[in-house]
Amino acid sequence: MSRVIALDTGPLGLVTNPKLSAESIACAQWLQAHITSGSRIIIPESADYEVRRELLRANKTKGVTRLDDLAKFLEYLPITTTAMRQAAKFWAQARQPGQPTAGDKTIDGDMILVAQATTLALPNLIIATTNVGHLSRFIAAELWQNITPS
């Protein structure tokens, strides 16, 4: 069974950043290694939204083009009503014991991302991220650098 990796905003932003840095090059190489090894790579719509809105705000058209191109090449996971309802449950579950994952007035993209991933119901799914903390309370998540190709 191949590995399934959902990209959080950190790695997604790195691989679509037209300004090359050591980290963005390393992340692009990491992604290519996973694709070559047969990993199933998914771009959740919630992560696309978060990266895209910042690119648009900063008028970074090359970044938007790279994001569009990557979304055509990889699997894209649209937001569904089921995912949004699950995100609301996760949001409430995080707050009930007093451990919110974001401010009370935010939409909490992390919970939407987690909910999108859980709707796939895949036991071998992991979220590649730059911030494991909030996500790992609800789903398998790891720093992208620590997820090695099979």
N, C-alpha and C. Protein backbone atom coordinates (compact mmCIF):
# COMPACT_ATOMS: atom_id res chain seq x y z
N MET A 1 0.85 -1.18 0.00
CA MET A 1 0.00 0.00 0.00
C MET A 1 0.89 1.24 0.00
N SER A 2 0.64 2.15 -0.93
CA SER A 2 1.47 3.34 -1.02
C SER A 2 1.10 4.35 0.07
N ARG A 3 2.07 5.16 0.39
CA ARG A 3 1.87 6.20 1.38
C ARG A 3 1.01 7.31 0.79
N VAL A 4 0.17 7.90 1.63
CA VAL A 4 -0.67 9.02 1.22
C VAL A 4 -0.25 10.23 2.05
N ILE A 5 0.11 11.30 1.37
CA ILE A 5 0.60 12.51 2.05
C ILE A 5 -0.27 13.69 1.64
N ALA A 6 -0.87 14.33 2.63
CA ALA A 6 -1.60 15.57 2.40
C ALA A 6 -0.67 16.72 2.77
N LEU A 7 -0.57 17.70 1.91
CA LEU A 7 0.33 18.83 2.14
C LEU A 7 -0.36 19.93 2.93
N ASP A 8 0.26 20.33 4.01
CA ASP A 8 -0.18 21.51 4.76
C ASP A 8 0.40 22.74 4.06
N THR A 9 0.08 23.90 4.56
CA THR A 9 0.49 25.15 3.92
C THR A 9 2.00 25.35 3.89
N GLY A 10 2.71 24.89 4.90
CA GLY A 10 4.17 25.09 4.93
C GLY A 10 4.86 24.47 3.73
N PRO A 11 4.75 23.14 3.56
CA PRO A 11 5.40 22.54 2.40
C PRO A 11 4.79 22.99 1.06
N LEU A 12 3.49 23.22 1.04
CA LEU A 12 2.85 23.67 -0.20
C LEU A 12 3.40 25.04 -0.60
N GLY A 13 3.56 25.92 0.36
CA GLY A 13 4.13 27.24 0.08
C GLY A 13 5.58 27.15 -0.36
N LEU A 14 6.33 26.24 0.25
CA LEU A 14 7.74 26.08 -0.12
C LEU A 14 7.89 25.60 -1.57
N VAL A 15 7.13 24.60 -1.96
CA VAL A 15 7.32 24.04 -3.31
C VAL A 15 6.75 24.93 -4.41
N THR A 16 5.92 25.87 -4.05
CA THR A 16 5.37 26.78 -5.07
C THR A 16 6.04 28.16 -5.05
N ASN A 17 6.98 28.35 -4.15
CA ASN A 17 7.66 29.64 -4.04
C ASN A 17 8.66 29.79 -5.19
N PRO A 18 8.47 30.79 -6.06
CA PRO A 18 9.41 30.95 -7.18
C PRO A 18 10.79 31.46 -6.75
N LYS A 19 10.88 32.03 -5.56
CA LYS A 19 12.19 32.46 -5.05
C LYS A 19 12.85 31.25 -4.39
N LEU A 20 13.88 30.76 -5.01
CA LEU A 20 14.53 29.56 -4.52
C LEU A 20 15.39 29.85 -3.30
N SER A 21 15.19 29.04 -2.29
CA SER A 21 16.02 29.07 -1.10
C SER A 21 16.46 27.64 -0.85
N ALA A 22 17.38 27.45 0.05
CA ALA A 22 17.83 26.09 0.36
C ALA A 22 16.65 25.24 0.82
N GLU A 23 15.75 25.83 1.63
CA GLU A 23 14.62 25.07 2.14
C GLU A 23 13.60 24.75 1.05
N SER A 24 13.32 25.72 0.17
CA SER A 24 12.34 25.45 -0.89
C SER A 24 12.87 24.42 -1.89
N ILE A 25 14.16 24.45 -2.17
CA ILE A 25 14.77 23.44 -3.05
C ILE A 25 14.71 22.07 -2.39
N ALA A 26 15.03 22.01 -1.10
CA ALA A 26 14.98 20.74 -0.38
C ALA A 26 13.56 20.18 -0.36
N CYS A 27 12.57 21.04 -0.18
CA CYS A 27 11.18 20.60 -0.13
C CYS A 27 10.73 20.12 -1.51
N ALA A 28 11.13 20.80 -2.57
CA ALA A 28 10.78 20.37 -3.92
C ALA A 28 11.42 19.01 -4.23
N GLN A 29 12.65 18.81 -3.80
CA GLN A 29 13.33 17.53 -3.99
C GLN A 29 12.65 16.43 -3.18
N TRP A 30 12.23 16.76 -1.97
CA TRP A 30 11.50 15.82 -1.11
C TRP A 30 10.20 15.40 -1.80
N LEU A 31 9.46 16.37 -2.32
CA LEU A 31 8.21 16.07 -2.99
C LEU A 31 8.44 15.19 -4.21
N GLN A 32 9.44 15.53 -5.01
CA GLN A 32 9.75 14.73 -6.21
C GLN A 32 10.13 13.30 -5.82
N ALA A 33 10.88 13.13 -4.75
CA ALA A 33 11.26 11.78 -4.29
C ALA A 33 10.03 10.97 -3.91
N HIS A 34 9.06 11.62 -3.28
CA HIS A 34 7.82 10.91 -2.92
C HIS A 34 7.00 10.56 -4.15
N ILE A 35 6.94 11.45 -5.09
CA ILE A 35 6.20 11.17 -6.33
C ILE A 35 6.86 10.00 -7.05
N THR A 36 8.18 10.03 -7.16
CA THR A 36 8.93 8.97 -7.83
C THR A 36 8.74 7.62 -7.14
N SER A 37 8.65 7.63 -5.81
CA SER A 37 8.50 6.38 -5.06
C SER A 37 7.07 5.85 -5.06
N GLY A 38 6.15 6.61 -5.65
CA GLY A 38 4.77 6.15 -5.75
C GLY A 38 3.84 6.64 -4.66
N SER A 39 4.29 7.57 -3.85
CA SER A 39 3.41 8.14 -2.83
C SER A 39 2.27 8.89 -3.50
N ARG A 40 1.13 8.85 -2.89
CA ARG A 40 -0.05 9.60 -3.35
C ARG A 40 0.00 10.95 -2.63
N ILE A 41 0.14 12.03 -3.37
CA ILE A 41 0.28 13.36 -2.79
C ILE A 41 -1.02 14.13 -3.04
N ILE A 42 -1.54 14.73 -1.97
CA ILE A 42 -2.82 15.43 -2.04
C ILE A 42 -2.65 16.88 -1.60
N ILE A 43 -3.27 17.77 -2.37
CA ILE A 43 -3.35 19.18 -1.99
C ILE A 43 -4.77 19.42 -1.47
N PRO A 44 -4.95 19.58 -0.16
CA PRO A 44 -6.27 19.92 0.35
C PRO A 44 -6.64 21.35 -0.06
N GLU A 45 -7.88 21.55 -0.42
CA GLU A 45 -8.32 22.88 -0.84
C GLU A 45 -8.07 23.93 0.24
N SER A 46 -8.19 23.53 1.49
CA SER A 46 -7.97 24.49 2.58
C SER A 46 -6.52 24.99 2.59
N ALA A 47 -5.56 24.12 2.30
CA ALA A 47 -4.16 24.54 2.24
C ALA A 47 -3.92 25.42 1.01
N ASP A 48 -4.52 25.03 -0.12
CA ASP A 48 -4.42 25.85 -1.33
C ASP A 48 -4.93 27.26 -1.04
N TYR A 49 -6.08 27.34 -0.38
CA TYR A 49 -6.67 28.64 -0.06
C TYR A 49 -5.72 29.50 0.78
N GLU A 50 -5.14 28.91 1.81
CA GLU A 50 -4.27 29.70 2.69
C GLU A 50 -3.02 30.18 1.98
N VAL A 51 -2.42 29.34 1.15
CA VAL A 51 -1.24 29.75 0.39
C VAL A 51 -1.63 30.77 -0.68
N ARG A 52 -2.70 30.48 -1.40
CA ARG A 52 -3.15 31.35 -2.49
C ARG A 52 -3.51 32.75 -2.01
N ARG A 53 -4.21 32.86 -0.88
CA ARG A 53 -4.63 34.19 -0.43
C ARG A 53 -3.44 35.09 -0.14
N GLU A 54 -2.36 34.49 0.41
CA GLU A 54 -1.18 35.30 0.70
C GLU A 54 -0.45 35.67 -0.59
N LEU A 55 -0.38 34.74 -1.53
CA LEU A 55 0.24 35.06 -2.81
C LEU A 55 -0.51 36.19 -3.52
N LEU A 56 -1.82 36.12 -3.50
CA LEU A 56 -2.64 37.17 -4.13
C LEU A 56 -2.48 38.50 -3.41
N ARG A 57 -2.47 38.47 -2.08
CA ARG A 57 -2.31 39.70 -1.31
C ARG A 57 -1.00 40.39 -1.65
N ALA A 58 0.05 39.58 -1.78
CA ALA A 58 1.39 40.12 -2.06
C ALA A 58 1.63 40.32 -3.56
N ASN A 59 0.60 40.05 -4.38
CA ASN A 59 0.70 40.19 -5.84
C ASN A 59 1.85 39.36 -6.41
N LYS A 60 1.99 38.13 -5.93
CA LYS A 60 3.04 37.22 -6.39
C LYS A 60 2.45 36.29 -7.45
N THR A 61 2.34 36.81 -8.67
CA THR A 61 1.68 36.08 -9.75
C THR A 61 2.43 34.81 -10.14
N LYS A 62 3.76 34.81 -10.07
CA LYS A 62 4.51 33.59 -10.39
C LYS A 62 4.19 32.49 -9.38
N GLY A 63 4.03 32.85 -8.14
CA GLY A 63 3.67 31.87 -7.12
C GLY A 63 2.29 31.30 -7.36
N VAL A 64 1.33 32.15 -7.76
CA VAL A 64 -0.02 31.68 -8.07
C VAL A 64 0.02 30.70 -9.24
N THR A 65 0.80 31.05 -10.27
CA THR A 65 0.93 30.16 -11.43
C THR A 65 1.52 28.82 -11.02
N ARG A 66 2.55 28.85 -10.20
CA ARG A 66 3.17 27.59 -9.74
C ARG A 66 2.18 26.77 -8.92
N LEU A 67 1.37 27.43 -8.09
CA LEU A 67 0.36 26.73 -7.30
C LEU A 67 -0.69 26.11 -8.22
N ASP A 68 -1.14 26.86 -9.21
CA ASP A 68 -2.10 26.33 -10.19
C ASP A 68 -1.53 25.12 -10.92
N ASP A 69 -0.28 25.22 -11.34
CA ASP A 69 0.36 24.11 -12.07
C ASP A 69 0.49 22.87 -11.20
N LEU A 70 0.87 23.06 -9.95
CA LEU A 70 1.02 21.92 -9.05
C LEU A 70 -0.33 21.25 -8.79
N ALA A 71 -1.38 22.05 -8.65
CA ALA A 71 -2.72 21.51 -8.41
C ALA A 71 -3.22 20.70 -9.60
N LYS A 72 -2.74 20.99 -10.80
CA LYS A 72 -3.10 20.21 -11.99
C LYS A 72 -2.36 18.88 -12.02
N PHE A 73 -1.18 18.86 -11.44
CA PHE A 73 -0.30 17.69 -11.49
C PHE A 73 -0.57 16.70 -10.36
N LEU A 74 -0.93 17.22 -9.19
CA LEU A 74 -1.19 16.38 -8.03
C LEU A 74 -2.69 16.23 -7.80
N GLU A 75 -3.05 15.37 -6.88
CA GLU A 75 -4.46 15.19 -6.53
C GLU A 75 -4.93 16.38 -5.70
N TYR A 76 -6.11 16.87 -6.01
CA TYR A 76 -6.68 18.03 -5.33
C TYR A 76 -7.90 17.57 -4.56
N LEU A 77 -7.97 17.92 -3.28
CA LEU A 77 -9.08 17.50 -2.42
C LEU A 77 -9.97 18.69 -2.10
N PRO A 78 -11.13 18.78 -2.78
CA PRO A 78 -12.05 19.90 -2.53
C PRO A 78 -12.65 19.85 -1.13
N ILE A 79 -13.02 21.00 -0.64
CA ILE A 79 -13.75 21.08 0.63
C ILE A 79 -15.18 20.63 0.39
N THR A 80 -15.69 19.82 1.28
CA THR A 80 -17.07 19.33 1.16
C THR A 80 -17.85 19.71 2.42
N THR A 81 -19.14 19.58 2.33
CA THR A 81 -19.98 19.83 3.51
C THR A 81 -19.61 18.87 4.62
N THR A 82 -19.36 17.61 4.29
CA THR A 82 -18.96 16.62 5.29
C THR A 82 -17.70 17.08 6.02
N ALA A 83 -16.71 17.55 5.26
CA ALA A 83 -15.47 18.00 5.87
C ALA A 83 -15.70 19.22 6.77
N MET A 84 -16.51 20.15 6.32
CA MET A 84 -16.75 21.35 7.13
C MET A 84 -17.50 21.01 8.41
N ARG A 85 -18.41 20.09 8.35
CA ARG A 85 -19.12 19.68 9.58
C ARG A 85 -18.19 18.96 10.53
N GLN A 86 -17.28 18.15 9.98
CA GLN A 86 -16.29 17.48 10.82
C GLN A 86 -15.33 18.50 11.42
N ALA A 87 -14.96 19.51 10.65
CA ALA A 87 -14.08 20.56 11.15
C ALA A 87 -14.71 21.28 12.34
N ALA A 88 -16.02 21.53 12.27
CA ALA A 88 -16.73 22.17 13.38
C ALA A 88 -16.67 21.28 14.63
N LYS A 89 -16.79 19.97 14.44
CA LYS A 89 -16.70 19.04 15.59
C LYS A 89 -15.30 19.08 16.19
N PHE A 90 -14.27 19.03 15.34
CA PHE A 90 -12.90 19.09 15.84
C PHE A 90 -12.64 20.42 16.57
N TRP A 91 -13.14 21.51 16.01
CA TRP A 91 -12.96 22.83 16.62
C TRP A 91 -13.55 22.82 18.03
N ALA A 92 -14.76 22.29 18.16
CA ALA A 92 -15.41 22.22 19.47
C ALA A 92 -14.66 21.28 20.41
N GLN A 93 -14.23 20.14 19.91
CA GLN A 93 -13.50 19.18 20.74
C GLN A 93 -12.20 19.78 21.28
N ALA A 94 -11.54 20.59 20.49
CA ALA A 94 -10.30 21.21 20.94
C ALA A 94 -10.55 22.23 22.04
N ARG A 95 -11.68 22.91 21.98
CA ARG A 95 -11.98 23.96 22.95
C ARG A 95 -12.61 23.44 24.24
N GLN A 96 -13.32 22.35 24.17
CA GLN A 96 -13.99 21.84 25.37
C GLN A 96 -13.03 21.61 26.54
N PRO A 97 -11.85 21.02 26.31
CA PRO A 97 -10.91 20.88 27.43
C PRO A 97 -10.00 22.10 27.60
N GLY A 98 -10.29 23.17 26.85
CA GLY A 98 -9.50 24.39 26.99
C GLY A 98 -8.19 24.36 26.22
N GLN A 99 -8.13 23.64 25.10
CA GLN A 99 -6.92 23.56 24.29
C GLN A 99 -7.20 23.97 22.85
N PRO A 100 -7.61 25.20 22.62
CA PRO A 100 -7.94 25.63 21.26
C PRO A 100 -6.72 25.57 20.35
N THR A 101 -6.98 25.39 19.08
CA THR A 101 -5.91 25.35 18.08
C THR A 101 -5.75 26.69 17.36
N ALA A 102 -6.65 27.62 17.63
CA ALA A 102 -6.59 28.96 17.05
C ALA A 102 -7.50 29.86 17.88
N GLY A 103 -7.48 31.15 17.60
CA GLY A 103 -8.33 32.10 18.32
C GLY A 103 -9.81 31.81 18.12
N ASP A 104 -10.62 32.21 19.07
CA ASP A 104 -12.05 31.93 19.03
C ASP A 104 -12.76 32.52 17.82
N LYS A 105 -12.25 33.61 17.28
CA LYS A 105 -12.92 34.27 16.16
C LYS A 105 -12.32 33.89 14.81
N THR A 106 -11.39 32.94 14.80
CA THR A 106 -10.81 32.52 13.52
C THR A 106 -11.56 31.32 12.97
N ILE A 107 -11.43 31.11 11.69
CA ILE A 107 -12.08 29.96 11.05
C ILE A 107 -11.31 28.68 11.35
N ASP A 108 -10.05 28.76 11.72
CA ASP A 108 -9.20 27.64 12.11
C ASP A 108 -8.95 26.69 10.94
N GLY A 109 -8.09 27.12 10.06
CA GLY A 109 -7.72 26.33 8.89
C GLY A 109 -7.15 24.96 9.24
N ASP A 110 -6.48 24.85 10.39
CA ASP A 110 -5.94 23.55 10.79
C ASP A 110 -7.04 22.52 10.96
N MET A 111 -8.15 22.92 11.55
CA MET A 111 -9.23 21.97 11.77
C MET A 111 -9.92 21.59 10.46
N ILE A 112 -9.96 22.53 9.52
CA ILE A 112 -10.54 22.22 8.21
C ILE A 112 -9.62 21.24 7.47
N LEU A 113 -8.32 21.48 7.54
CA LEU A 113 -7.35 20.58 6.92
C LEU A 113 -7.46 19.17 7.50
N VAL A 114 -7.49 19.08 8.82
CA VAL A 114 -7.61 17.78 9.48
C VAL A 114 -8.91 17.09 9.07
N ALA A 115 -9.99 17.84 9.06
CA ALA A 115 -11.28 17.26 8.68
C ALA A 115 -11.27 16.79 7.24
N GLN A 116 -10.69 17.57 6.35
CA GLN A 116 -10.59 17.13 4.95
C GLN A 116 -9.84 15.81 4.86
N ALA A 117 -8.74 15.71 5.56
CA ALA A 117 -7.94 14.49 5.51
C ALA A 117 -8.69 13.30 6.11
N THR A 118 -9.40 13.52 7.21
CA THR A 118 -10.09 12.39 7.85
C THR A 118 -11.27 11.90 7.01
N THR A 119 -11.85 12.76 6.19
CA THR A 119 -12.97 12.30 5.36
C THR A 119 -12.51 11.26 4.34
N LEU A 120 -11.23 11.20 4.05
CA LEU A 120 -10.71 10.19 3.14
C LEU A 120 -10.69 8.80 3.79
N ALA A 121 -10.65 8.76 5.12
CA ALA A 121 -10.66 7.50 5.87
C ALA A 121 -9.57 6.54 5.39
N LEU A 122 -8.36 7.06 5.24
CA LEU A 122 -7.24 6.25 4.81
C LEU A 122 -6.28 6.03 5.98
N PRO A 123 -6.03 4.79 6.36
CA PRO A 123 -5.18 4.53 7.52
C PRO A 123 -3.72 4.92 7.31
N ASN A 124 -3.27 5.01 6.06
CA ASN A 124 -1.87 5.32 5.78
C ASN A 124 -1.65 6.78 5.40
N LEU A 125 -2.59 7.65 5.75
CA LEU A 125 -2.48 9.07 5.41
C LEU A 125 -1.72 9.81 6.52
N ILE A 126 -0.85 10.69 6.09
CA ILE A 126 -0.13 11.56 7.02
C ILE A 126 -0.11 12.96 6.43
N ILE A 127 -0.19 13.95 7.30
CA ILE A 127 -0.11 15.34 6.84
C ILE A 127 1.34 15.80 6.98
N ALA A 128 1.90 16.30 5.88
CA ALA A 128 3.24 16.87 5.88
C ALA A 128 3.09 18.34 6.22
N THR A 129 3.82 18.78 7.24
CA THR A 129 3.62 20.13 7.76
C THR A 129 4.93 20.74 8.22
N THR A 130 4.86 21.98 8.64
CA THR A 130 5.98 22.64 9.32
C THR A 130 5.63 22.89 10.78
N ASN A 131 4.40 22.49 11.17
CA ASN A 131 3.92 22.71 12.54
C ASN A 131 3.04 21.53 12.95
N VAL A 132 3.63 20.56 13.61
CA VAL A 132 2.94 19.31 13.94
C VAL A 132 1.92 19.48 15.05
N GLY A 133 2.17 20.34 16.01
CA GLY A 133 1.41 20.46 17.25
C GLY A 133 -0.10 20.31 17.18
N HIS A 134 -0.78 21.23 16.52
CA HIS A 134 -2.24 21.21 16.49
C HIS A 134 -2.79 20.04 15.70
N LEU A 135 -2.13 19.73 14.60
CA LEU A 135 -2.64 18.69 13.72
C LEU A 135 -2.55 17.30 14.35
N SER A 136 -1.43 17.02 15.01
CA SER A 136 -1.19 15.67 15.53
C SER A 136 -2.13 15.28 16.67
N ARG A 137 -2.87 16.23 17.19
CA ARG A 137 -3.88 15.89 18.20
C ARG A 137 -5.06 15.16 17.58
N PHE A 138 -5.22 15.27 16.26
CA PHE A 138 -6.39 14.72 15.57
C PHE A 138 -6.06 13.71 14.48
N ILE A 139 -4.86 13.75 13.95
CA ILE A 139 -4.50 12.90 12.80
C ILE A 139 -2.98 12.76 12.76
N ALA A 140 -2.50 11.76 12.04
CA ALA A 140 -1.05 11.59 11.89
C ALA A 140 -0.49 12.80 11.13
N ALA A 141 0.50 13.42 11.71
CA ALA A 141 1.15 14.58 11.09
C ALA A 141 2.62 14.55 11.47
N GLU A 142 3.44 15.01 10.55
CA GLU A 142 4.88 14.99 10.79
C GLU A 142 5.52 16.12 10.00
N LEU A 143 6.66 16.60 10.48
CA LEU A 143 7.43 17.57 9.72
C LEU A 143 7.75 16.95 8.37
N TRP A 144 7.59 17.71 7.31
CA TRP A 144 7.78 17.14 5.96
C TRP A 144 9.14 16.50 5.82
N GLN A 145 10.17 17.08 6.44
CA GLN A 145 11.54 16.55 6.31
C GLN A 145 11.66 15.15 6.92
N ASN A 146 10.80 14.83 7.88
CA ASN A 146 10.87 13.55 8.57
C ASN A 146 10.08 12.44 7.90
N ILE A 147 9.36 12.76 6.85
CA ILE A 147 8.58 11.75 6.12
C ILE A 147 9.45 11.27 4.96
N THR A 148 9.97 10.07 5.08
CA THR A 148 10.87 9.56 4.05
C THR A 148 10.11 8.76 3.00
N PRO A 149 10.59 8.82 1.75
CA PRO A 149 9.94 8.03 0.70
C PRO A 149 10.06 6.53 1.01
N SER A 150 9.09 5.78 0.56
CA SER A 150 9.09 4.33 0.80
C SER A 150 10.08 3.63 -0.11
